[in-house]
């Protein structure tokens, strides 16, 4: 099982490089994000977009001999070309560059490329909690605004896929809410209880699900003991399922941007993971996300 970010990078370096199709790569921030991954032989970049701009940037960054450049004339064409390359086995997985998320997702879900999966798409984030000295997987802080109960089962399945790829065979899922008791006035607690019962009946696969649980009780054994919570998940959660995008986004940014916890993010639910990073992410976070995307592609 992968225990920390260093081990994530080491594992990604062990296998042969995969071909990463970077959509709309004509941007210094984008090229910087793949530079270390390319030099570490984690990936072989295929940079898609404005050929002249890309060539100038990679030359300046000293990457000219390490990348392939594919010329396109628009953002839409760049996204479509990436999916075409993956469909034709000329690339392994895509990464979002200087392009709207909606454009690349539209191409990823286009039926003609055959990359649709069985689940809805969701943003799944791996976060290393330095105080607890372990990973947690957070979903969904960036895509699904107010997921229904059915959609939350898909969010769990996508997150379990990531957990399994890290070596967690039977992940523990905490369904987060503001309190630990079921309260009819708080919809999140009702759905948490339903998901917990579905987990007990094996409807969600080989996992352990419990909720509602507050964040502190989900990740800290000390907090759970202090509150007298008896649960197979409390203090040991591998996956944190948030009630909606606001809660997920606030929790993510609190941990990663303010708390500076190491992280990596990909979009799951299609047949290939989509590496997606924010321009505000550090170069380390971007490298982590590429490495994670590679491991999920190899699963």
C-alpha atoms as a PDB file:
ATOM      1  CA  UNK A   1       0.000   0.000   0.000  1.00  0.00           C
ATOM      2  CA  UNK A   2       1.242   3.497  -0.849  1.00  0.00           C
ATOM      3  CA  UNK A   3       1.781   5.344   2.433  1.00  0.00           C
ATOM      4  CA  UNK A   4       2.800   8.865   1.357  1.00  0.00           C
ATOM      5  CA  UNK A   5       3.381  11.208  -1.576  1.00  0.00           C
ATOM      6  CA  UNK A   6       7.025  10.173  -1.943  1.00  0.00           C
ATOM      7  CA  UNK A   7       5.946   6.565  -2.450  1.00  0.00           C
ATOM      8  CA  UNK A   8       3.334   7.695  -4.991  1.00  0.00           C
ATOM      9  CA  UNK A   9       6.048   9.334  -7.109  1.00  0.00           C
ATOM     10  CA  UNK A  10       8.424   6.381  -6.706  1.00  0.00           C
ATOM     11  CA  UNK A  11       5.773   3.925  -7.883  1.00  0.00           C
ATOM     12  CA  UNK A  12       4.907   6.115 -10.864  1.00  0.00           C
ATOM     13  CA  UNK A  13       8.590   6.145 -11.872  1.00  0.00           C
ATOM     14  CA  UNK A  14       8.964   2.353 -11.738  1.00  0.00           C
ATOM     15  CA  UNK A  15       6.913   1.467 -14.802  1.00  0.00           C
ATOM     16  CA  UNK A  16       7.548   2.583 -18.358  1.00  0.00           C
ATOM     17  CA  UNK A  17       6.416   6.131 -19.228  1.00  0.00           C
ATOM     18  CA  UNK A  18       2.854   6.552 -20.459  1.00  0.00           C
ATOM     19  CA  UNK A  19       1.875   9.003 -23.169  1.00  0.00           C
ATOM     20  CA  UNK A  20       0.085  12.019 -21.675  1.00  0.00           C
ATOM     21  CA  UNK A  21      -2.064  14.055 -24.080  1.00  0.00           C
ATOM     22  CA  UNK A  22      -1.994  17.641 -22.789  1.00  0.00           C
ATOM     23  CA  UNK A  23      -4.928  19.620 -24.186  1.00  0.00           C
ATOM     24  CA  UNK A  24      -4.252  23.294 -25.062  1.00  0.00           C
ATOM     25  CA  UNK A  25      -0.643  23.168 -23.889  1.00  0.00           C
ATOM     26  CA  UNK A  26       0.336  26.635 -25.141  1.00  0.00           C
ATOM     27  CA  UNK A  27       0.997  28.066 -21.693  1.00  0.00           C
ATOM     28  CA  UNK A  28       4.098  28.290 -19.470  1.00  0.00           C
ATOM     29  CA  UNK A  29       2.216  27.114 -16.395  1.00  0.00           C
ATOM     30  CA  UNK A  30       1.009  24.037 -18.252  1.00  0.00           C
ATOM     31  CA  UNK A  31       4.476  23.187 -19.588  1.00  0.00           C
ATOM     32  CA  UNK A  32       6.020  23.709 -16.162  1.00  0.00           C
ATOM     33  CA  UNK A  33       3.521  21.243 -14.748  1.00  0.00           C
ATOM     34  CA  UNK A  34       4.704  18.424 -17.023  1.00  0.00           C
ATOM     35  CA  UNK A  35       8.425  19.287 -17.074  1.00  0.00           C
ATOM     36  CA  UNK A  36       9.447  17.323 -13.978  1.00  0.00           C
ATOM     37  CA  UNK A  37       7.148  14.413 -14.841  1.00  0.00           C
ATOM     38  CA  UNK A  38       8.756  14.155 -18.278  1.00  0.00           C
ATOM     39  CA  UNK A  39      12.304  14.392 -16.964  1.00  0.00           C
ATOM     40  CA  UNK A  40      11.489  11.771 -14.307  1.00  0.00           C
ATOM     41  CA  UNK A  41      10.250   9.485 -17.112  1.00  0.00           C
ATOM     42  CA  UNK A  42       6.806   9.210 -15.570  1.00  0.00           C
ATOM     43  CA  UNK A  43       5.217  10.307 -18.833  1.00  0.00           C
ATOM     44  CA  UNK A  44       6.007  11.146 -22.439  1.00  0.00           C
ATOM     45  CA  UNK A  45       4.125  14.399 -23.156  1.00  0.00           C
ATOM     46  CA  UNK A  46       2.125  14.981 -26.301  1.00  0.00           C
ATOM     47  CA  UNK A  47       1.445  18.724 -26.316  1.00  0.00           C
ATOM     48  CA  UNK A  48      -1.621  19.654 -28.334  1.00  0.00           C
ATOM     49  CA  UNK A  49      -2.524  23.183 -29.419  1.00  0.00           C
ATOM     50  CA  UNK A  50      -0.883  26.263 -30.905  1.00  0.00           C
ATOM     51  CA  UNK A  51       2.270  24.735 -32.374  1.00  0.00           C
ATOM     52  CA  UNK A  52       4.332  27.921 -32.555  1.00  0.00           C
ATOM     53  CA  UNK A  53       3.594  28.968 -28.979  1.00  0.00           C
ATOM     54  CA  UNK A  54       4.195  25.486 -27.626  1.00  0.00           C
ATOM     55  CA  UNK A  55       7.497  25.133 -29.483  1.00  0.00           C
ATOM     56  CA  UNK A  56       8.735  28.466 -28.130  1.00  0.00           C
ATOM     57  CA  UNK A  57       7.827  27.534 -24.549  1.00  0.00           C
ATOM     58  CA  UNK A  58       9.321  24.033 -24.587  1.00  0.00           C
ATOM     59  CA  UNK A  59      12.515  25.352 -26.162  1.00  0.00           C
ATOM     60  CA  UNK A  60      12.789  27.974 -23.432  1.00  0.00           C
ATOM     61  CA  UNK A  61      12.155  25.303 -20.776  1.00  0.00           C
ATOM     62  CA  UNK A  62      14.665  22.859 -22.233  1.00  0.00           C
ATOM     63  CA  UNK A  63      12.086  20.221 -23.133  1.00  0.00           C
ATOM     64  CA  UNK A  64      12.308  20.340 -26.918  1.00  0.00           C
ATOM     65  CA  UNK A  65      13.714  16.814 -27.342  1.00  0.00           C
ATOM     66  CA  UNK A  66      11.393  15.263 -24.770  1.00  0.00           C
ATOM     67  CA  UNK A  67       7.953  16.080 -26.192  1.00  0.00           C
ATOM     68  CA  UNK A  68       5.771  15.616 -29.249  1.00  0.00           C
ATOM     69  CA  UNK A  69       3.757  18.580 -30.502  1.00  0.00           C
ATOM     70  CA  UNK A  70       0.439  18.257 -32.323  1.00  0.00           C
ATOM     71  CA  UNK A  71      -0.826  21.364 -34.103  1.00  0.00           C
ATOM     72  CA  UNK A  72      -4.494  22.363 -33.768  1.00  0.00           C
ATOM     73  CA  UNK A  73      -6.370  25.560 -34.558  1.00  0.00           C
ATOM     74  CA  UNK A  74      -8.840  25.798 -31.677  1.00  0.00           C
ATOM     75  CA  UNK A  75      -9.483  24.677 -28.099  1.00  0.00           C
ATOM     76  CA  UNK A  76     -12.260  22.374 -29.262  1.00  0.00           C
ATOM     77  CA  UNK A  77     -10.003  20.749 -31.846  1.00  0.00           C
ATOM     78  CA  UNK A  78      -7.295  20.270 -29.196  1.00  0.00           C
ATOM     79  CA  UNK A  79      -9.710  18.430 -26.902  1.00  0.00           C
ATOM     80  CA  UNK A  80     -11.044  16.274 -29.729  1.00  0.00           C
ATOM     81  CA  UNK A  81      -7.540  15.442 -30.927  1.00  0.00           C
ATOM     82  CA  UNK A  82      -6.523  14.247 -27.467  1.00  0.00           C
ATOM     83  CA  UNK A  83      -9.474  11.857 -27.274  1.00  0.00           C
ATOM     84  CA  UNK A  84      -8.814  10.668 -30.810  1.00  0.00           C
ATOM     85  CA  UNK A  85      -5.209   9.850 -29.902  1.00  0.00           C
ATOM     86  CA  UNK A  86      -6.381   7.889 -26.859  1.00  0.00           C
ATOM     87  CA  UNK A  87      -9.009   6.063 -28.921  1.00  0.00           C
ATOM     88  CA  UNK A  88      -6.298   5.093 -31.442  1.00  0.00           C
ATOM     89  CA  UNK A  89      -3.908   3.958 -28.652  1.00  0.00           C
ATOM     90  CA  UNK A  90      -1.462   6.722 -29.543  1.00  0.00           C
ATOM     91  CA  UNK A  91      -1.900   8.322 -26.100  1.00  0.00           C
ATOM     92  CA  UNK A  92      -2.797   6.805 -22.744  1.00  0.00           C
ATOM     93  CA  UNK A  93      -4.582   9.496 -20.735  1.00  0.00           C
ATOM     94  CA  UNK A  94      -5.409  13.221 -21.013  1.00  0.00           C
ATOM     95  CA  UNK A  95      -4.557  16.318 -19.021  1.00  0.00           C
ATOM     96  CA  UNK A  96      -6.370  19.649 -18.995  1.00  0.00           C
ATOM     97  CA  UNK A  97      -4.246  22.579 -20.124  1.00  0.00           C
ATOM     98  CA  UNK A  98      -5.264  26.160 -20.892  1.00  0.00           C
ATOM     99  CA  UNK A  99      -8.855  25.257 -21.730  1.00  0.00           C
ATOM    100  CA  UNK A 100     -12.303  25.442 -20.182  1.00  0.00           C
ATOM    101  CA  UNK A 101     -13.168  22.320 -18.216  1.00  0.00           C
ATOM    102  CA  UNK A 102     -16.538  22.094 -19.997  1.00  0.00           C
ATOM    103  CA  UNK A 103     -14.856  21.845 -23.415  1.00  0.00           C
ATOM    104  CA  UNK A 104     -12.529  18.998 -22.471  1.00  0.00           C
ATOM    105  CA  UNK A 105     -15.300  17.142 -20.640  1.00  0.00           C
ATOM    106  CA  UNK A 106     -17.558  17.407 -23.690  1.00  0.00           C
ATOM    107  CA  UNK A 107     -14.840  15.763 -25.785  1.00  0.00           C
ATOM    108  CA  UNK A 108     -14.165  13.101 -23.145  1.00  0.00           C
ATOM    109  CA  UNK A 109     -17.855  12.158 -23.101  1.00  0.00           C
ATOM    110  CA  UNK A 110     -18.350  12.269 -26.875  1.00  0.00           C
ATOM    111  CA  UNK A 111     -19.706   8.824 -27.820  1.00  0.00           C
ATOM    112  CA  UNK A 112     -17.595   8.624 -30.952  1.00  0.00           C
ATOM    113  CA  UNK A 113     -14.408   8.236 -28.900  1.00  0.00           C
ATOM    114  CA  UNK A 114     -15.766   5.391 -26.776  1.00  0.00           C
ATOM    115  CA  UNK A 115     -14.331   6.733 -23.523  1.00  0.00           C
ATOM    116  CA  UNK A 116     -17.528   6.983 -21.502  1.00  0.00           C
ATOM    117  CA  UNK A 117     -17.661   4.874 -18.366  1.00  0.00           C
ATOM    118  CA  UNK A 118     -20.522   3.458 -16.326  1.00  0.00           C
ATOM    119  CA  UNK A 119     -20.402   6.068 -13.543  1.00  0.00           C
ATOM    120  CA  UNK A 120     -20.922   9.818 -13.524  1.00  0.00           C
ATOM    121  CA  UNK A 121     -17.755  11.904 -13.657  1.00  0.00           C
ATOM    122  CA  UNK A 122     -16.429  13.186 -10.358  1.00  0.00           C
ATOM    123  CA  UNK A 123     -13.418  15.061  -9.040  1.00  0.00           C
ATOM    124  CA  UNK A 124     -11.501  12.768  -6.696  1.00  0.00           C
ATOM    125  CA  UNK A 125      -8.692  14.240  -4.603  1.00  0.00           C
ATOM    126  CA  UNK A 126      -5.967  12.420  -2.733  1.00  0.00           C
ATOM    127  CA  UNK A 127      -4.806  14.382   0.323  1.00  0.00           C
ATOM    128  CA  UNK A 128      -1.989  13.457   2.693  1.00  0.00           C
ATOM    129  CA  UNK A 129      -2.893  14.441   6.248  1.00  0.00           C
ATOM    130  CA  UNK A 130       0.482  15.163   7.777  1.00  0.00           C
ATOM    131  CA  UNK A 131      -0.851  15.195  11.345  1.00  0.00           C
ATOM    132  CA  UNK A 132      -2.397  11.746  10.906  1.00  0.00           C
ATOM    133  CA  UNK A 133       0.466  10.518   8.687  1.00  0.00           C
ATOM    134  CA  UNK A 134      -1.846   8.977   6.112  1.00  0.00           C
ATOM    135  CA  UNK A 135      -3.895   9.623   2.995  1.00  0.00           C
ATOM    136  CA  UNK A 136      -7.584  10.389   2.698  1.00  0.00           C
ATOM    137  CA  UNK A 137      -9.557  10.538  -0.536  1.00  0.00           C
ATOM    138  CA  UNK A 138     -12.001  13.437  -0.851  1.00  0.00           C
ATOM    139  CA  UNK A 139     -14.989  13.546  -3.191  1.00  0.00           C
ATOM    140  CA  UNK A 140     -16.484  15.666  -4.697  1.00  0.00           C
ATOM    141  CA  UNK A 141     -15.252  19.221  -4.312  1.00  0.00           C
ATOM    142  CA  UNK A 142     -15.318  20.370  -7.904  1.00  0.00           C
ATOM    143  CA  UNK A 143     -17.861  18.825 -10.247  1.00  0.00           C
ATOM    144  CA  UNK A 144     -21.184  17.625  -8.878  1.00  0.00           C
ATOM    145  CA  UNK A 145     -23.071  20.518  -7.304  1.00  0.00           C
ATOM    146  CA  UNK A 146     -25.720  18.708  -5.274  1.00  0.00           C
ATOM    147  CA  UNK A 147     -25.456  14.992  -5.959  1.00  0.00           C
ATOM    148  CA  UNK A 148     -28.513  12.808  -5.427  1.00  0.00           C
ATOM    149  CA  UNK A 149     -28.390   9.629  -3.372  1.00  0.00           C
ATOM    150  CA  UNK A 150     -27.910   7.578  -6.553  1.00  0.00           C
ATOM    151  CA  UNK A 151     -25.154   9.891  -7.739  1.00  0.00           C
ATOM    152  CA  UNK A 152     -23.411   9.604  -4.385  1.00  0.00           C
ATOM    153  CA  UNK A 153     -23.139   5.860  -4.908  1.00  0.00           C
ATOM    154  CA  UNK A 154     -21.224   6.629  -8.116  1.00  0.00           C
ATOM    155  CA  UNK A 155     -19.005   9.105  -6.269  1.00  0.00           C
ATOM    156  CA  UNK A 156     -18.160   6.368  -3.790  1.00  0.00           C
ATOM    157  CA  UNK A 157     -17.413   3.864  -6.578  1.00  0.00           C
ATOM    158  CA  UNK A 158     -15.049   6.306  -8.297  1.00  0.00           C
ATOM    159  CA  UNK A 159     -13.257   7.013  -5.017  1.00  0.00           C
ATOM    160  CA  UNK A 160     -12.992   3.275  -4.277  1.00  0.00           C
ATOM    161  CA  UNK A 161     -11.270   2.835  -7.638  1.00  0.00           C
ATOM    162  CA  UNK A 162      -8.609   5.282  -6.485  1.00  0.00           C
ATOM    163  CA  UNK A 163      -8.303   3.621  -3.080  1.00  0.00           C
ATOM    164  CA  UNK A 164      -7.831   0.215  -4.689  1.00  0.00           C
ATOM    165  CA  UNK A 165      -5.124   1.598  -6.991  1.00  0.00           C
ATOM    166  CA  UNK A 166      -3.226   2.752  -3.895  1.00  0.00           C
ATOM    167  CA  UNK A 167      -3.410  -0.714  -2.383  1.00  0.00           C
ATOM    168  CA  UNK A 168      -6.370  -0.215  -0.037  1.00  0.00           C
ATOM    169  CA  UNK A 169      -8.334  -3.435  -0.574  1.00  0.00           C
ATOM    170  CA  UNK A 170     -11.368  -2.711   1.602  1.00  0.00           C
ATOM    171  CA  UNK A 171     -11.630   1.066   1.997  1.00  0.00           C
ATOM    172  CA  UNK A 172     -13.538   2.706   4.814  1.00  0.00           C
ATOM    173  CA  UNK A 173     -15.935   5.420   3.673  1.00  0.00           C
ATOM    174  CA  UNK A 174     -17.090   8.235   5.946  1.00  0.00           C
ATOM    175  CA  UNK A 175     -20.224  10.033   4.764  1.00  0.00           C
ATOM    176  CA  UNK A 176     -19.678  13.527   6.122  1.00  0.00           C
ATOM    177  CA  UNK A 177     -22.198  15.852   7.719  1.00  0.00           C
ATOM    178  CA  UNK A 178     -22.161  18.505  10.438  1.00  0.00           C
ATOM    179  CA  UNK A 179     -23.286  16.079  13.148  1.00  0.00           C
ATOM    180  CA  UNK A 180     -23.126  12.371  13.957  1.00  0.00           C
ATOM    181  CA  UNK A 181     -26.832  11.861  14.625  1.00  0.00           C
ATOM    182  CA  UNK A 182     -29.565  11.460  12.031  1.00  0.00           C
ATOM    183  CA  UNK A 183     -31.648  14.641  11.985  1.00  0.00           C
ATOM    184  CA  UNK A 184     -34.758  14.808   9.749  1.00  0.00           C
ATOM    185  CA  UNK A 185     -34.124  18.523   9.250  1.00  0.00           C
ATOM    186  CA  UNK A 186     -30.656  17.832   7.797  1.00  0.00           C
ATOM    187  CA  UNK A 187     -30.889  16.000   4.480  1.00  0.00           C
ATOM    188  CA  UNK A 188     -27.182  15.107   4.510  1.00  0.00           C
ATOM    189  CA  UNK A 189     -27.641  13.019   7.654  1.00  0.00           C
ATOM    190  CA  UNK A 190     -30.585  11.114   6.175  1.00  0.00           C
ATOM    191  CA  UNK A 191     -28.657  10.228   3.023  1.00  0.00           C
ATOM    192  CA  UNK A 192     -25.618   9.301   5.107  1.00  0.00           C
ATOM    193  CA  UNK A 193     -27.712   6.814   7.064  1.00  0.00           C
ATOM    194  CA  UNK A 194     -29.112   5.350   3.835  1.00  0.00           C
ATOM    195  CA  UNK A 195     -25.648   4.956   2.314  1.00  0.00           C
ATOM    196  CA  UNK A 196     -24.436   3.350   5.518  1.00  0.00           C
ATOM    197  CA  UNK A 197     -27.217   0.751   5.365  1.00  0.00           C
ATOM    198  CA  UNK A 198     -26.519   0.144   1.659  1.00  0.00           C
ATOM    199  CA  UNK A 199     -22.900  -0.487   2.585  1.00  0.00           C
ATOM    200  CA  UNK A 200     -23.937  -2.950   5.297  1.00  0.00           C
ATOM    201  CA  UNK A 201     -25.936  -4.901   2.704  1.00  0.00           C
ATOM    202  CA  UNK A 202     -23.045  -5.062   0.250  1.00  0.00           C
ATOM    203  CA  UNK A 203     -24.769  -2.859  -2.331  1.00  0.00           C
ATOM    204  CA  UNK A 204     -21.699  -0.641  -2.717  1.00  0.00           C
ATOM    205  CA  UNK A 205     -19.065  -3.347  -3.067  1.00  0.00           C
ATOM    206  CA  UNK A 206     -16.337  -4.575  -0.755  1.00  0.00           C
ATOM    207  CA  UNK A 207     -16.179  -1.494   1.446  1.00  0.00           C
ATOM    208  CA  UNK A 208     -17.197  -0.322   4.908  1.00  0.00           C
ATOM    209  CA  UNK A 209     -19.485   2.717   5.007  1.00  0.00           C
ATOM    210  CA  UNK A 210     -20.620   4.735   7.999  1.00  0.00           C
ATOM    211  CA  UNK A 211     -22.285   8.067   8.538  1.00  0.00           C
ATOM    212  CA  UNK A 212     -23.229  10.645   9.321  1.00  0.00           C
ATOM    213  CA  UNK A 213     -19.806  11.571  10.683  1.00  0.00           C
ATOM    214  CA  UNK A 214     -18.259  14.998  11.188  1.00  0.00           C
ATOM    215  CA  UNK A 215     -14.844  15.555   9.614  1.00  0.00           C
ATOM    216  CA  UNK A 216     -12.888  15.441  12.883  1.00  0.00           C
ATOM    217  CA  UNK A 217     -14.441  12.145  13.925  1.00  0.00           C
ATOM    218  CA  UNK A 218     -13.867  10.644  10.504  1.00  0.00           C
ATOM    219  CA  UNK A 219     -10.109  11.240  10.473  1.00  0.00           C
ATOM    220  CA  UNK A 220      -9.097  11.408  14.148  1.00  0.00           C
ATOM    221  CA  UNK A 221      -9.316   8.438  16.526  1.00  0.00           C
ATOM    222  CA  UNK A 222      -8.761  10.824  19.426  1.00  0.00           C
ATOM    223  CA  UNK A 223     -11.763  12.970  18.439  1.00  0.00           C
ATOM    224  CA  UNK A 224     -13.952   9.900  17.953  1.00  0.00           C
ATOM    225  CA  UNK A 225     -12.990   8.503  21.355  1.00  0.00           C
ATOM    226  CA  UNK A 226     -13.583  11.860  23.016  1.00  0.00           C
ATOM    227  CA  UNK A 227     -17.137  11.938  21.643  1.00  0.00           C
ATOM    228  CA  UNK A 228     -17.757   8.293  22.455  1.00  0.00           C
ATOM    229  CA  UNK A 229     -18.398   7.345  18.837  1.00  0.00           C
ATOM    230  CA  UNK A 230     -18.266   3.630  18.158  1.00  0.00           C
ATOM    231  CA  UNK A 231     -17.809   2.998  14.473  1.00  0.00           C
ATOM    232  CA  UNK A 232     -15.570   0.853  12.244  1.00  0.00           C
ATOM    233  CA  UNK A 233     -14.891   3.979  10.172  1.00  0.00           C
ATOM    234  CA  UNK A 234     -14.483   6.752  12.769  1.00  0.00           C
ATOM    235  CA  UNK A 235     -10.868   7.863  12.999  1.00  0.00           C
ATOM    236  CA  UNK A 236      -9.868   5.512  10.188  1.00  0.00           C
ATOM    237  CA  UNK A 237     -11.697   6.808   7.110  1.00  0.00           C
ATOM    238  CA  UNK A 238      -9.950   6.261   3.780  1.00  0.00           C
ATOM    239  CA  UNK A 239     -12.645   8.076   1.772  1.00  0.00           C
ATOM    240  CA  UNK A 240     -14.510  11.245   2.734  1.00  0.00           C
ATOM    241  CA  UNK A 241     -17.804  11.758   0.889  1.00  0.00           C
ATOM    242  CA  UNK A 242     -19.003  15.353   1.266  1.00  0.00           C
ATOM    243  CA  UNK A 243     -22.695  16.306   1.008  1.00  0.00           C
ATOM    244  CA  UNK A 244     -22.301  18.874  -1.786  1.00  0.00           C
ATOM    245  CA  UNK A 245     -19.801  20.876  -3.818  1.00  0.00           C
ATOM    246  CA  UNK A 246     -19.691  23.804  -1.380  1.00  0.00           C
ATOM    247  CA  UNK A 247     -18.669  21.597   1.533  1.00  0.00           C
ATOM    248  CA  UNK A 248     -16.161  19.732  -0.621  1.00  0.00           C
ATOM    249  CA  UNK A 249     -14.596  22.832  -2.113  1.00  0.00           C
ATOM    250  CA  UNK A 250     -14.245  24.566   1.241  1.00  0.00           C
ATOM    251  CA  UNK A 251     -12.773  21.462   2.870  1.00  0.00           C
ATOM    252  CA  UNK A 252     -10.339  20.925  -0.023  1.00  0.00           C
ATOM    253  CA  UNK A 253      -9.090  24.493  -0.035  1.00  0.00           C
ATOM    254  CA  UNK A 254      -8.828  24.590   3.750  1.00  0.00           C
ATOM    255  CA  UNK A 255      -6.602  21.520   3.733  1.00  0.00           C
ATOM    256  CA  UNK A 256      -4.582  22.110   0.562  1.00  0.00           C
ATOM    257  CA  UNK A 257      -4.236  25.875   0.204  1.00  0.00           C
ATOM    258  CA  UNK A 258      -4.303  27.013   3.802  1.00  0.00           C
ATOM    259  CA  UNK A 259      -3.152  23.838   5.534  1.00  0.00           C
ATOM    260  CA  UNK A 260      -0.628  23.093   2.733  1.00  0.00           C
ATOM    261  CA  UNK A 261      -1.337  19.361   2.814  1.00  0.00           C
ATOM    262  CA  UNK A 262       0.153  17.474  -0.182  1.00  0.00           C
ATOM    263  CA  UNK A 263      -2.497  16.493  -2.713  1.00  0.00           C
ATOM    264  CA  UNK A 264      -3.322  15.206  -6.188  1.00  0.00           C
ATOM    265  CA  UNK A 265      -6.562  15.406  -8.176  1.00  0.00           C
ATOM    266  CA  UNK A 266      -8.091  13.628 -11.163  1.00  0.00           C
ATOM    267  CA  UNK A 267     -11.534  13.300 -12.687  1.00  0.00           C
ATOM    268  CA  UNK A 268     -12.774   9.700 -12.659  1.00  0.00           C
ATOM    269  CA  UNK A 269     -15.803   7.983 -14.142  1.00  0.00           C
ATOM    270  CA  UNK A 270     -14.622   7.674 -17.749  1.00  0.00           C
ATOM    271  CA  UNK A 271     -12.499   4.837 -19.118  1.00  0.00           C
ATOM    272  CA  UNK A 272      -9.392   6.943 -18.562  1.00  0.00           C
ATOM    273  CA  UNK A 273      -8.624   9.404 -15.762  1.00  0.00           C
ATOM    274  CA  UNK A 274      -8.448  13.093 -16.634  1.00  0.00           C
ATOM    275  CA  UNK A 275      -5.650  14.977 -14.916  1.00  0.00           C
ATOM    276  CA  UNK A 276      -6.981  18.347 -13.886  1.00  0.00           C
ATOM    277  CA  UNK A 277      -5.108  20.983 -11.922  1.00  0.00           C
ATOM    278  CA  UNK A 278      -5.722  24.560 -10.884  1.00  0.00           C
ATOM    279  CA  UNK A 279      -3.429  27.381 -11.977  1.00  0.00           C
ATOM    280  CA  UNK A 280      -3.074  28.108  -8.262  1.00  0.00           C
ATOM    281  CA  UNK A 281      -1.747  24.600  -7.576  1.00  0.00           C
ATOM    282  CA  UNK A 282       1.936  24.235  -6.759  1.00  0.00           C
ATOM    283  CA  UNK A 283       4.284  22.453  -9.171  1.00  0.00           C
ATOM    284  CA  UNK A 284       4.447  19.612  -6.624  1.00  0.00           C
ATOM    285  CA  UNK A 285       0.659  19.214  -6.663  1.00  0.00           C
ATOM    286  CA  UNK A 286       0.663  19.086 -10.455  1.00  0.00           C
ATOM    287  CA  UNK A 287       3.405  16.450 -10.486  1.00  0.00           C
ATOM    288  CA  UNK A 288       1.453  14.442  -7.905  1.00  0.00           C
ATOM    289  CA  UNK A 289      -1.679  14.602 -10.055  1.00  0.00           C
ATOM    290  CA  UNK A 290       0.159  13.381 -13.151  1.00  0.00           C
ATOM    291  CA  UNK A 291       1.714  10.514 -11.164  1.00  0.00           C
ATOM    292  CA  UNK A 292      -1.696   9.583  -9.752  1.00  0.00           C
ATOM    293  CA  UNK A 293      -3.246   9.718 -13.213  1.00  0.00           C
ATOM    294  CA  UNK A 294      -0.593   7.320 -14.473  1.00  0.00           C
ATOM    295  CA  UNK A 295      -1.258   4.801 -11.674  1.00  0.00           C
ATOM    296  CA  UNK A 296      -4.991   4.927 -12.341  1.00  0.00           C
ATOM    297  CA  UNK A 297      -4.436   4.424 -16.067  1.00  0.00           C
ATOM    298  CA  UNK A 298      -2.296   1.361 -15.343  1.00  0.00           C
ATOM    299  CA  UNK A 299      -4.832  -0.202 -12.931  1.00  0.00           C
END
